[in-house]
Structure formats: structure tokens, C-alpha cells
Amino acid sequence: MHARPDPPPAGADIWHIGLDVDTDTVDVVAALLDADERRRAGDLRDPVAAHRFVVAHGAARTVLARYLGAPGDAVHWARGPNGKPFFEGQWSRWQWSLSRSGGHALLAVRWTGPVGVDLERVRDGPPTVALATRFLPAEEAAAVARHSDPHARSAAYHRLLSRKEACVKASGGRFLEGLRLRVLMPGTVEGTGPLAGQRWLLRDLPAPPGYVAALATTGDRLGRLRLFEWGWPPERWREGAAVLPGQPPGGDRAGPYRSEHVSPVPSRGPRGIR
């Protein structure tokens, strides 16, 4: 049996999950889904989207089961009023967050407090300056507008949205409540409006080419981040060696992923307000 990872010591583990896998892998992880997940996958009319949903949730179950020491199909959780998943009972100390976009997903697992992760596929097209002016704080809208290239404007806008959503997911709030959060730079973020009184530590994460990602945690110290690559069978799981697609070469490839790393992907493109 594959050894369980140690709990992230005052930090977080980040798992990259590639969602476009072979059908045999899909069949294996699909067997782990609960009735609600199977229903949600069945409601998706696009076969590719349904396939990716199944892989993301099945993979998350294989990873969480590894931490909890339980079979993947025995892992159950409750949901908060806005859908944030959480464990009850003996597993209640474990916190996790899943984000999927396109052919990729990120799963964040934490032992010492709430965590939120967000992965965004960068798309060109939406009127980013108009959207930023309408929905974001003035300094963030100005930062988006400063880019003369439409692609770069789109990138800047998406990165801001990713940072905001990571904070909101950590707190279990609603995305619209986080639009006025000031996230021009990673670091400490203070809550405003409906989120007043809350505080997060925000970091950008490595992301596949064409994506941006962010991680938010509560508490005074983030601690060490460890990066893992998910695959099937679990013997393929590895720390640090593969990192995420797009991570620049160099450094200690076998060592832990640390929080000073930022995404090598130029932040570009909004998904629009949702």
C-alpha cells in the first residue's frame, strides 16, 4: 500500500490533477464517486466536461483517502451554506479545496486551518477594462487598464479574480462578496464589506501554460507548500519532481515546493464575472 504523506506542517499540500486521462483511469476513479457527484456528472451535456468532472472528483477522493487512511468511496463530507466542503467528526481538522478549469484541476490540503485554491483558464475576449472598472477597486481597475496589449489586460484581470476567489473559498463565502477585496499584490488581505473582520494570506501558485492560480489560507503564517503531481496508479504520485506544467527549470527539483515560487505563466484573460 502506498505510504501516506505526512500532514503539511503549518503549510499546505497542492496537487495538480491532469483531467484528460485514458478511459481505464476514468472507470477506476469514477467508481469512487458518491450519488451526488454521479448525478452532477450526468447533468453535464458535454461529454468532455463530464469526463473531466469525474476525474477531478475521483482523483480528489484518492488523494484525500490517502491522508485520512480510508477507502476513497468511504470519504464523506458536509457542505456549508455556500457549498464549501468540510469534514465532520474524526477528520474535522483536515481542510481542503478543489478547483478545476479546462483540462486541469488543483487540490489543496491543509492540516492547520481553512484553505482555498483557485485555478483559472485565461481567455481573451471579454471587455476586461469595463468589467474591472465596474466590479473591482479603483487601483486594480487602473492596473488592468495600464496594459496596452489586450492579452495582457485579460491576464491581469484573471489573476485578480483568481486571488479573490481563493480568499472567498477559504472562508466559505460567495464569490460576489469578494469582488471588492484588495488583492493587487499577494500577501496579507483584509476583508471588506460582507467579509469584514476576516484576513487571509495569499500566494500565487505555479499553473499550467495558459492558466493562473492562487492559494489563500487563514492564520498568521502560511508555512511550507509542497507540490505533488497526481497520477494513476498511486505509485506515480511524486513530490516536486514534475511540478506543474510550465514551471521553469532549475532549482532543487526533488525538494519541497516553497511559497516564494510564483506562477511562471503570464497572467492573462478573464473568465468574466460569475
C-alpha atoms as a PDB file:
ATOM      1  CA  MET A   1       0.000   0.000   0.000  1.00  0.00           C
ATOM      2  CA  HIS A   2       1.344   3.427  -0.899  1.00  0.00           C
ATOM      3  CA  ALA A   3       2.625   5.348   2.128  1.00  0.00           C
ATOM      4  CA  ARG A   4       0.540   8.233   3.347  1.00  0.00           C
ATOM      5  CA  PRO A   5       2.143  11.700   3.206  1.00  0.00           C
ATOM      6  CA  ASP A   6       2.873  13.443   6.460  1.00  0.00           C
ATOM      7  CA  PRO A   7       0.378  16.181   7.361  1.00  0.00           C
ATOM      8  CA  PRO A   8       1.508  19.502   5.890  1.00  0.00           C
ATOM      9  CA  PRO A   9       3.328  21.103   8.864  1.00  0.00           C
ATOM     10  CA  ALA A  10       1.742  24.532   9.242  1.00  0.00           C
ATOM     11  CA  GLY A  11       1.538  24.681   5.466  1.00  0.00           C
ATOM     12  CA  ALA A  12      -0.394  23.109   2.620  1.00  0.00           C
ATOM     13  CA  ASP A  13      -0.051  20.385   0.020  1.00  0.00           C
ATOM     14  CA  ILE A  14      -1.007  21.291  -3.549  1.00  0.00           C
ATOM     15  CA  TRP A  15      -1.904  18.527  -6.002  1.00  0.00           C
ATOM     16  CA  HIS A  16      -2.014  19.096  -9.738  1.00  0.00           C
ATOM     17  CA  ILE A  17      -4.501  16.776 -11.460  1.00  0.00           C
ATOM     18  CA  GLY A  18      -4.454  16.374 -15.231  1.00  0.00           C
ATOM     19  CA  LEU A  19      -8.062  15.688 -16.249  1.00  0.00           C
ATOM     20  CA  ASP A  20      -7.592  14.359 -19.790  1.00  0.00           C
ATOM     21  CA  VAL A  21      -6.670  10.768 -18.996  1.00  0.00           C
ATOM     22  CA  ASP A  22      -7.353   7.362 -20.542  1.00  0.00           C
ATOM     23  CA  THR A  23     -10.749   5.720 -20.179  1.00  0.00           C
ATOM     24  CA  ASP A  24      -9.403   2.962 -17.929  1.00  0.00           C
ATOM     25  CA  THR A  25      -8.365   5.575 -15.375  1.00  0.00           C
ATOM     26  CA  VAL A  26     -11.738   7.286 -15.670  1.00  0.00           C
ATOM     27  CA  ASP A  27     -13.502   3.996 -14.946  1.00  0.00           C
ATOM     28  CA  VAL A  28     -11.350   3.337 -11.868  1.00  0.00           C
ATOM     29  CA  VAL A  29     -11.823   6.732 -10.220  1.00  0.00           C
ATOM     30  CA  ALA A  30     -15.488   7.006 -11.265  1.00  0.00           C
ATOM     31  CA  ALA A  31     -16.274   4.060  -9.000  1.00  0.00           C
ATOM     32  CA  LEU A  32     -15.313   6.225  -6.006  1.00  0.00           C
ATOM     33  CA  LEU A  33     -17.883   8.971  -6.613  1.00  0.00           C
ATOM     34  CA  ASP A  34     -20.946   9.276  -4.402  1.00  0.00           C
ATOM     35  CA  ALA A  35     -24.508   9.573  -5.678  1.00  0.00           C
ATOM     36  CA  ASP A  36     -24.499  13.386  -5.750  1.00  0.00           C
ATOM     37  CA  GLU A  37     -21.262  13.508  -7.748  1.00  0.00           C
ATOM     38  CA  ARG A  38     -22.586  10.957 -10.217  1.00  0.00           C
ATOM     39  CA  ARG A  39     -25.761  12.998 -10.623  1.00  0.00           C
ATOM     40  CA  ARG A  40     -23.812  16.209 -11.219  1.00  0.00           C
ATOM     41  CA  ALA A  41     -21.604  14.492 -13.786  1.00  0.00           C
ATOM     42  CA  GLY A  42     -24.678  13.088 -15.518  1.00  0.00           C
ATOM     43  CA  ASP A  43     -26.230  16.550 -15.735  1.00  0.00           C
ATOM     44  CA  LEU A  44     -23.344  17.786 -17.897  1.00  0.00           C
ATOM     45  CA  ARG A  45     -24.303  17.605 -21.575  1.00  0.00           C
ATOM     46  CA  ASP A  46     -20.752  17.992 -22.860  1.00  0.00           C
ATOM     47  CA  PRO A  47     -19.051  14.554 -22.673  1.00  0.00           C
ATOM     48  CA  VAL A  48     -15.614  16.131 -22.241  1.00  0.00           C
ATOM     49  CA  ALA A  49     -16.824  18.285 -19.350  1.00  0.00           C
ATOM     50  CA  ALA A  50     -18.474  15.257 -17.725  1.00  0.00           C
ATOM     51  CA  HIS A  51     -15.284  13.200 -18.157  1.00  0.00           C
ATOM     52  CA  ARG A  52     -13.194  15.953 -16.550  1.00  0.00           C
ATOM     53  CA  PHE A  53     -15.640  16.352 -13.656  1.00  0.00           C
ATOM     54  CA  VAL A  54     -15.447  12.626 -12.912  1.00  0.00           C
ATOM     55  CA  VAL A  55     -11.648  12.616 -12.985  1.00  0.00           C
ATOM     56  CA  ALA A  56     -11.320  15.725 -10.790  1.00  0.00           C
ATOM     57  CA  HIS A  57     -13.632  14.390  -8.102  1.00  0.00           C
ATOM     58  CA  GLY A  58     -12.404  10.816  -8.300  1.00  0.00           C
ATOM     59  CA  ALA A  59      -8.794  11.967  -8.097  1.00  0.00           C
ATOM     60  CA  ALA A  60      -9.584  14.221  -5.142  1.00  0.00           C
ATOM     61  CA  ARG A  61     -11.068  11.220  -3.372  1.00  0.00           C
ATOM     62  CA  THR A  62      -7.952   9.115  -3.984  1.00  0.00           C
ATOM     63  CA  VAL A  63      -5.759  11.861  -2.535  1.00  0.00           C
ATOM     64  CA  LEU A  64      -7.963  12.651   0.465  1.00  0.00           C
ATOM     65  CA  ALA A  65      -8.284   8.954   1.243  1.00  0.00           C
ATOM     66  CA  ARG A  66      -4.512   8.758   1.402  1.00  0.00           C
ATOM     67  CA  TYR A  67      -4.389  11.419   4.122  1.00  0.00           C
ATOM     68  CA  LEU A  68      -7.345  10.034   6.063  1.00  0.00           C
ATOM     69  CA  GLY A  69      -6.331   6.382   5.869  1.00  0.00           C
ATOM     70  CA  ALA A  70      -9.728   5.396   4.483  1.00  0.00           C
ATOM     71  CA  PRO A  71     -11.008   3.959   1.181  1.00  0.00           C
ATOM     72  CA  GLY A  72     -11.854   6.628  -1.367  1.00  0.00           C
ATOM     73  CA  ASP A  73     -15.503   5.616  -1.581  1.00  0.00           C
ATOM     74  CA  ALA A  74     -15.781   5.864   2.227  1.00  0.00           C
ATOM     75  CA  VAL A  75     -14.743   9.526   2.313  1.00  0.00           C
ATOM     76  CA  HIS A  76     -17.779  11.699   3.054  1.00  0.00           C
ATOM     77  CA  TRP A  77     -18.111  15.379   3.801  1.00  0.00           C
ATOM     78  CA  ALA A  78     -20.706  18.016   4.592  1.00  0.00           C
ATOM     79  CA  ARG A  79     -21.168  21.352   2.834  1.00  0.00           C
ATOM     80  CA  GLY A  80     -21.514  24.859   4.221  1.00  0.00           C
ATOM     81  CA  PRO A  81     -24.295  27.264   3.197  1.00  0.00           C
ATOM     82  CA  ASN A  82     -22.356  28.336   0.087  1.00  0.00           C
ATOM     83  CA  GLY A  83     -21.131  24.886  -0.846  1.00  0.00           C
ATOM     84  CA  LYS A  84     -17.738  24.793   0.885  1.00  0.00           C
ATOM     85  CA  PRO A  85     -16.944  21.139   1.715  1.00  0.00           C
ATOM     86  CA  PHE A  86     -15.769  20.207   5.194  1.00  0.00           C
ATOM     87  CA  PHE A  87     -15.202  17.058   7.203  1.00  0.00           C
ATOM     88  CA  GLU A  88     -17.026  16.273  10.421  1.00  0.00           C
ATOM     89  CA  GLY A  89     -16.071  14.054  13.330  1.00  0.00           C
ATOM     90  CA  GLN A  90     -12.642  12.419  13.440  1.00  0.00           C
ATOM     91  CA  TRP A  91     -11.489  14.094  10.213  1.00  0.00           C
ATOM     92  CA  SER A  92     -12.651  17.609  11.098  1.00  0.00           C
ATOM     93  CA  ARG A  93      -9.134  19.011  11.402  1.00  0.00           C
ATOM     94  CA  TRP A  94      -8.417  18.331   7.725  1.00  0.00           C
ATOM     95  CA  GLN A  95      -9.271  21.190   5.343  1.00  0.00           C
ATOM     96  CA  TRP A  96      -9.299  21.024   1.556  1.00  0.00           C
ATOM     97  CA  SER A  97     -10.275  22.934  -1.560  1.00  0.00           C
ATOM     98  CA  LEU A  98     -10.684  21.796  -5.179  1.00  0.00           C
ATOM     99  CA  SER A  99     -10.646  23.954  -8.313  1.00  0.00           C
ATOM    100  CA  ARG A 100     -10.891  22.764 -11.907  1.00  0.00           C
ATOM    101  CA  SER A 101     -10.686  24.615 -15.178  1.00  0.00           C
ATOM    102  CA  GLY A 102     -10.318  23.193 -18.667  1.00  0.00           C
ATOM    103  CA  GLY A 103      -8.152  20.076 -18.596  1.00  0.00           C
ATOM    104  CA  HIS A 104      -6.593  20.717 -15.191  1.00  0.00           C
ATOM    105  CA  ALA A 105      -7.506  20.794 -11.516  1.00  0.00           C
ATOM    106  CA  LEU A 106      -5.745  21.792  -8.312  1.00  0.00           C
ATOM    107  CA  LEU A 107      -6.456  20.268  -4.918  1.00  0.00           C
ATOM    108  CA  ALA A 108      -5.168  21.995  -1.768  1.00  0.00           C
ATOM    109  CA  VAL A 109      -4.985  20.044   1.505  1.00  0.00           C
ATOM    110  CA  ARG A 110      -4.226  21.622   4.870  1.00  0.00           C
ATOM    111  CA  TRP A 111      -3.990  20.395   8.459  1.00  0.00           C
ATOM    112  CA  THR A 112      -3.854  23.662  10.401  1.00  0.00           C
ATOM    113  CA  GLY A 113      -6.765  25.776   9.150  1.00  0.00           C
ATOM    114  CA  PRO A 114      -9.002  26.805   6.244  1.00  0.00           C
ATOM    115  CA  VAL A 115      -7.602  26.845   2.717  1.00  0.00           C
ATOM    116  CA  GLY A 116      -8.897  27.990  -0.654  1.00  0.00           C
ATOM    117  CA  VAL A 117      -7.395  27.336  -4.082  1.00  0.00           C
ATOM    118  CA  ASP A 118      -8.478  28.703  -7.438  1.00  0.00           C
ATOM    119  CA  LEU A 119      -7.341  27.785 -10.945  1.00  0.00           C
ATOM    120  CA  GLU A 120      -8.412  29.933 -13.896  1.00  0.00           C
ATOM    121  CA  ARG A 121      -8.034  29.309 -17.593  1.00  0.00           C
ATOM    122  CA  VAL A 122      -7.067  32.522 -19.321  1.00  0.00           C
ATOM    123  CA  ARG A 123      -9.385  33.554 -22.130  1.00  0.00           C
ATOM    124  CA  ASP A 124      -9.306  36.597 -24.349  1.00  0.00           C
ATOM    125  CA  GLY A 125     -12.401  38.408 -25.492  1.00  0.00           C
ATOM    126  CA  PRO A 126     -14.372  39.870 -22.556  1.00  0.00           C
ATOM    127  CA  PRO A 127     -14.169  43.677 -22.155  1.00  0.00           C
ATOM    128  CA  THR A 128     -11.741  43.470 -19.259  1.00  0.00           C
ATOM    129  CA  VAL A 129     -11.289  47.205 -18.663  1.00  0.00           C
ATOM    130  CA  ALA A 130     -15.035  47.774 -18.476  1.00  0.00           C
ATOM    131  CA  LEU A 131     -15.529  44.785 -16.182  1.00  0.00           C
ATOM    132  CA  ALA A 132     -12.637  45.783 -13.934  1.00  0.00           C
ATOM    133  CA  THR A 133     -13.897  49.375 -13.714  1.00  0.00           C
ATOM    134  CA  ARG A 134     -17.376  48.199 -12.770  1.00  0.00           C
ATOM    135  CA  PHE A 135     -16.555  45.471 -10.269  1.00  0.00           C
ATOM    136  CA  LEU A 136     -13.026  45.902  -8.867  1.00  0.00           C
ATOM    137  CA  PRO A 137     -11.387  48.501  -6.584  1.00  0.00           C
ATOM    138  CA  ALA A 138     -10.102  51.554  -8.453  1.00  0.00           C
ATOM    139  CA  GLU A 139      -6.393  50.702  -8.125  1.00  0.00           C
ATOM    140  CA  GLU A 140      -6.980  47.212  -9.535  1.00  0.00           C
ATOM    141  CA  ALA A 141      -9.025  48.542 -12.448  1.00  0.00           C
ATOM    142  CA  ALA A 142      -6.225  51.009 -13.177  1.00  0.00           C
ATOM    143  CA  ALA A 143      -3.649  48.194 -13.094  1.00  0.00           C
ATOM    144  CA  VAL A 144      -5.662  46.248 -15.659  1.00  0.00           C
ATOM    145  CA  ALA A 145      -6.116  49.304 -17.885  1.00  0.00           C
ATOM    146  CA  ARG A 146      -2.379  50.123 -17.855  1.00  0.00           C
ATOM    147  CA  HIS A 147      -1.673  47.184 -20.160  1.00  0.00           C
ATOM    148  CA  SER A 148      -1.782  48.259 -23.796  1.00  0.00           C
ATOM    149  CA  ASP A 149      -1.946  44.702 -25.075  1.00  0.00           C
ATOM    150  CA  PRO A 150      -5.460  43.154 -24.846  1.00  0.00           C
ATOM    151  CA  HIS A 151      -3.989  39.787 -23.965  1.00  0.00           C
ATOM    152  CA  ALA A 152      -2.016  41.260 -21.063  1.00  0.00           C
ATOM    153  CA  ARG A 153      -5.083  43.150 -19.828  1.00  0.00           C
ATOM    154  CA  SER A 154      -7.035  39.939 -19.858  1.00  0.00           C
ATOM    155  CA  ALA A 155      -4.241  38.232 -17.964  1.00  0.00           C
ATOM    156  CA  ALA A 156      -4.070  40.835 -15.228  1.00  0.00           C
ATOM    157  CA  TYR A 157      -7.818  40.734 -14.770  1.00  0.00           C
ATOM    158  CA  HIS A 158      -7.917  36.943 -14.470  1.00  0.00           C
ATOM    159  CA  ARG A 159      -5.155  36.866 -11.911  1.00  0.00           C
ATOM    160  CA  LEU A 160      -7.037  39.322  -9.717  1.00  0.00           C
ATOM    161  CA  LEU A 161     -10.191  37.217  -9.945  1.00  0.00           C
ATOM    162  CA  SER A 162      -8.246  34.072  -9.068  1.00  0.00           C
ATOM    163  CA  ARG A 163      -6.793  35.700  -5.946  1.00  0.00           C
ATOM    164  CA  LYS A 164     -10.206  36.922  -4.826  1.00  0.00           C
ATOM    165  CA  GLU A 165     -11.872  33.570  -5.343  1.00  0.00           C
ATOM    166  CA  ALA A 166      -9.151  31.749  -3.415  1.00  0.00           C
ATOM    167  CA  CYS A 167      -9.855  34.005  -0.409  1.00  0.00           C
ATOM    168  CA  VAL A 168     -13.603  33.533  -0.686  1.00  0.00           C
ATOM    169  CA  LYS A 169     -13.256  29.756  -0.968  1.00  0.00           C
ATOM    170  CA  ALA A 170     -11.071  29.659   2.147  1.00  0.00           C
ATOM    171  CA  SER A 171     -13.766  31.441   4.143  1.00  0.00           C
ATOM    172  CA  GLY A 172     -16.735  29.637   2.609  1.00  0.00           C
ATOM    173  CA  GLY A 173     -18.255  32.828   1.244  1.00  0.00           C
ATOM    174  CA  ARG A 174     -19.757  33.757  -2.114  1.00  0.00           C
ATOM    175  CA  PHE A 175     -17.635  34.989  -4.993  1.00  0.00           C
ATOM    176  CA  LEU A 176     -19.562  38.237  -5.424  1.00  0.00           C
ATOM    177  CA  GLU A 177     -18.788  39.107  -1.792  1.00  0.00           C
ATOM    178  CA  GLY A 178     -15.084  39.035  -2.612  1.00  0.00           C
ATOM    179  CA  LEU A 179     -15.011  41.348  -5.619  1.00  0.00           C
ATOM    180  CA  ARG A 180     -14.031  44.363  -3.510  1.00  0.00           C
ATOM    181  CA  LEU A 181     -11.171  42.580  -1.739  1.00  0.00           C
ATOM    182  CA  ARG A 182      -7.877  44.344  -2.438  1.00  0.00           C
ATOM    183  CA  VAL A 183      -5.562  41.736  -3.963  1.00  0.00           C
ATOM    184  CA  LEU A 184      -3.322  43.804  -6.213  1.00  0.00           C
ATOM    185  CA  MET A 185      -0.332  42.080  -4.631  1.00  0.00           C
ATOM    186  CA  PRO A 186      -0.081  38.702  -2.875  1.00  0.00           C
ATOM    187  CA  GLY A 187       0.402  38.755   0.878  1.00  0.00           C
ATOM    188  CA  THR A 188      -1.982  39.716   3.652  1.00  0.00           C
ATOM    189  CA  VAL A 189      -5.534  40.505   2.543  1.00  0.00           C
ATOM    190  CA  GLU A 190      -8.008  42.197   4.871  1.00  0.00           C
ATOM    191  CA  GLY A 191     -11.712  41.510   4.455  1.00  0.00           C
ATOM    192  CA  THR A 192     -14.121  44.258   3.472  1.00  0.00           C
ATOM    193  CA  GLY A 193     -17.901  44.548   3.175  1.00  0.00           C
ATOM    194  CA  PRO A 194     -19.606  41.221   3.989  1.00  0.00           C
ATOM    195  CA  LEU A 195     -16.139  39.739   4.647  1.00  0.00           C
ATOM    196  CA  ALA A 196     -15.027  42.476   7.086  1.00  0.00           C
ATOM    197  CA  GLY A 197     -13.029  41.165  10.019  1.00  0.00           C
ATOM    198  CA  GLN A 198     -11.550  38.267   8.063  1.00  0.00           C
ATOM    199  CA  ARG A 199      -7.939  38.030   6.949  1.00  0.00           C
ATOM    200  CA  TRP A 200      -6.057  35.758   4.577  1.00  0.00           C
ATOM    201  CA  LEU A 201      -2.513  35.033   3.482  1.00  0.00           C
ATOM    202  CA  LEU A 202      -2.495  34.964  -0.305  1.00  0.00           C
ATOM    203  CA  ARG A 203       0.046  33.359  -2.646  1.00  0.00           C
ATOM    204  CA  ASP A 204       0.206  32.896  -6.403  1.00  0.00           C
ATOM    205  CA  LEU A 205       0.811  29.313  -7.492  1.00  0.00           C
ATOM    206  CA  PRO A 206       2.510  27.741 -10.497  1.00  0.00           C
ATOM    207  CA  ALA A 207      -0.053  26.927 -13.154  1.00  0.00           C
ATOM    208  CA  PRO A 208      -0.123  25.119 -16.487  1.00  0.00           C
ATOM    209  CA  PRO A 209       0.539  27.298 -19.540  1.00  0.00           C
ATOM    210  CA  GLY A 210      -2.493  29.470 -20.230  1.00  0.00           C
ATOM    211  CA  TYR A 211      -3.746  29.353 -16.644  1.00  0.00           C
ATOM    212  CA  VAL A 212      -3.283  31.299 -13.410  1.00  0.00           C
ATOM    213  CA  ALA A 213      -3.733  30.032  -9.866  1.00  0.00           C
ATOM    214  CA  ALA A 214      -3.791  31.323  -6.300  1.00  0.00           C
ATOM    215  CA  LEU A 215      -3.893  29.923  -2.770  1.00  0.00           C
ATOM    216  CA  ALA A 216      -5.375  31.581   0.323  1.00  0.00           C
ATOM    217  CA  THR A 217      -5.110  30.444   3.931  1.00  0.00           C
ATOM    218  CA  THR A 218      -6.121  31.846   7.299  1.00  0.00           C
ATOM    219  CA  GLY A 219      -3.781  32.391  10.214  1.00  0.00           C
ATOM    220  CA  ASP A 220      -0.613  34.402  10.712  1.00  0.00           C
ATOM    221  CA  ARG A 221       1.777  32.124   8.842  1.00  0.00           C
ATOM    222  CA  LEU A 222       1.356  30.059   5.717  1.00  0.00           C
ATOM    223  CA  GLY A 223       4.281  27.714   6.271  1.00  0.00           C
ATOM    224  CA  ARG A 224       5.781  25.450   3.651  1.00  0.00           C
ATOM    225  CA  LEU A 225       3.967  24.471   0.492  1.00  0.00           C
ATOM    226  CA  ARG A 226       4.555  21.045  -1.017  1.00  0.00           C
ATOM    227  CA  LEU A 227       3.665  20.360  -4.635  1.00  0.00           C
ATOM    228  CA  PHE A 228       2.531  16.930  -5.853  1.00  0.00           C
ATOM    229  CA  GLU A 229       1.564  15.520  -9.213  1.00  0.00           C
ATOM    230  CA  TRP A 230      -1.428  13.161  -9.243  1.00  0.00           C
ATOM    231  CA  GLY A 231      -1.474  10.120 -11.480  1.00  0.00           C
ATOM    232  CA  TRP A 232      -2.868   6.617 -11.581  1.00  0.00           C
ATOM    233  CA  PRO A 233      -1.796   4.239 -10.126  1.00  0.00           C
ATOM    234  CA  PRO A 234      -0.727   5.978  -6.886  1.00  0.00           C
ATOM    235  CA  GLU A 235       2.841   4.710  -7.312  1.00  0.00           C
ATOM    236  CA  ARG A 236       3.187   7.509  -9.858  1.00  0.00           C
ATOM    237  CA  TRP A 237       2.499  10.196  -7.253  1.00  0.00           C
ATOM    238  CA  ARG A 238       5.564  12.267  -6.606  1.00  0.00           C
ATOM    239  CA  GLU A 239       6.608  15.404  -4.805  1.00  0.00           C
ATOM    240  CA  GLY A 240       8.491  18.163  -6.508  1.00  0.00           C
ATOM    241  CA  ALA A 241       9.945  16.078  -9.315  1.00  0.00           C
ATOM    242  CA  ALA A 242       7.445  17.002 -12.017  1.00  0.00           C
ATOM    243  CA  VAL A 243       5.973  20.240 -10.654  1.00  0.00           C
ATOM    244  CA  LEU A 244       3.211  21.805 -12.677  1.00  0.00           C
ATOM    245  CA  PRO A 245       3.392  22.175 -16.448  1.00  0.00           C
ATOM    246  CA  GLY A 246       5.025  25.498 -17.177  1.00  0.00           C
ATOM    247  CA  GLN A 247       7.257  25.561 -14.103  1.00  0.00           C
ATOM    248  CA  PRO A 248      10.659  26.935 -15.166  1.00  0.00           C
ATOM    249  CA  PRO A 249      13.586  24.525 -14.926  1.00  0.00           C
ATOM    250  CA  GLY A 250      16.315  24.787 -12.354  1.00  0.00           C
ATOM    251  CA  GLY A 251      16.466  24.655  -8.581  1.00  0.00           C
ATOM    252  CA  ASP A 252      16.159  21.623  -6.360  1.00  0.00           C
ATOM    253  CA  ARG A 253      13.704  19.528  -8.377  1.00  0.00           C
ATOM    254  CA  ALA A 254      13.458  16.878  -5.689  1.00  0.00           C
ATOM    255  CA  GLY A 255      12.942  19.328  -2.863  1.00  0.00           C
ATOM    256  CA  PRO A 256       9.697  20.721  -1.483  1.00  0.00           C
ATOM    257  CA  TYR A 257       7.789  23.427  -3.256  1.00  0.00           C
ATOM    258  CA  ARG A 258       8.048  26.636  -1.257  1.00  0.00           C
ATOM    259  CA  SER A 259       5.878  29.698  -1.106  1.00  0.00           C
ATOM    260  CA  GLU A 260       8.315  32.057  -2.794  1.00  0.00           C
ATOM    261  CA  HIS A 261       7.508  30.398  -6.123  1.00  0.00           C
ATOM    262  CA  VAL A 262       5.013  32.272  -8.251  1.00  0.00           C
ATOM    263  CA  SER A 263       3.280  31.302 -11.437  1.00  0.00           C
ATOM    264  CA  PRO A 264       5.568  31.256 -14.492  1.00  0.00           C
ATOM    265  CA  VAL A 265       2.515  31.828 -16.662  1.00  0.00           C
ATOM    266  CA  PRO A 266       1.907  35.460 -17.639  1.00  0.00           C
ATOM    267  CA  SER A 267      -1.409  36.301 -16.028  1.00  0.00           C
ATOM    268  CA  ARG A 268      -3.868  36.936 -18.810  1.00  0.00           C
ATOM    269  CA  GLY A 269      -7.547  36.825 -19.583  1.00  0.00           C
ATOM    270  CA  PRO A 270     -10.736  36.955 -17.553  1.00  0.00           C
ATOM    271  CA  ARG A 271     -13.430  34.382 -17.257  1.00  0.00           C
ATOM    272  CA  GLY A 272     -15.943  37.164 -16.699  1.00  0.00           C
ATOM    273  CA  ILE A 273     -17.941  37.865 -13.579  1.00  0.00           C
ATOM    274  CA  ARG A 274     -19.875  34.956 -12.129  1.00  0.00           C
END
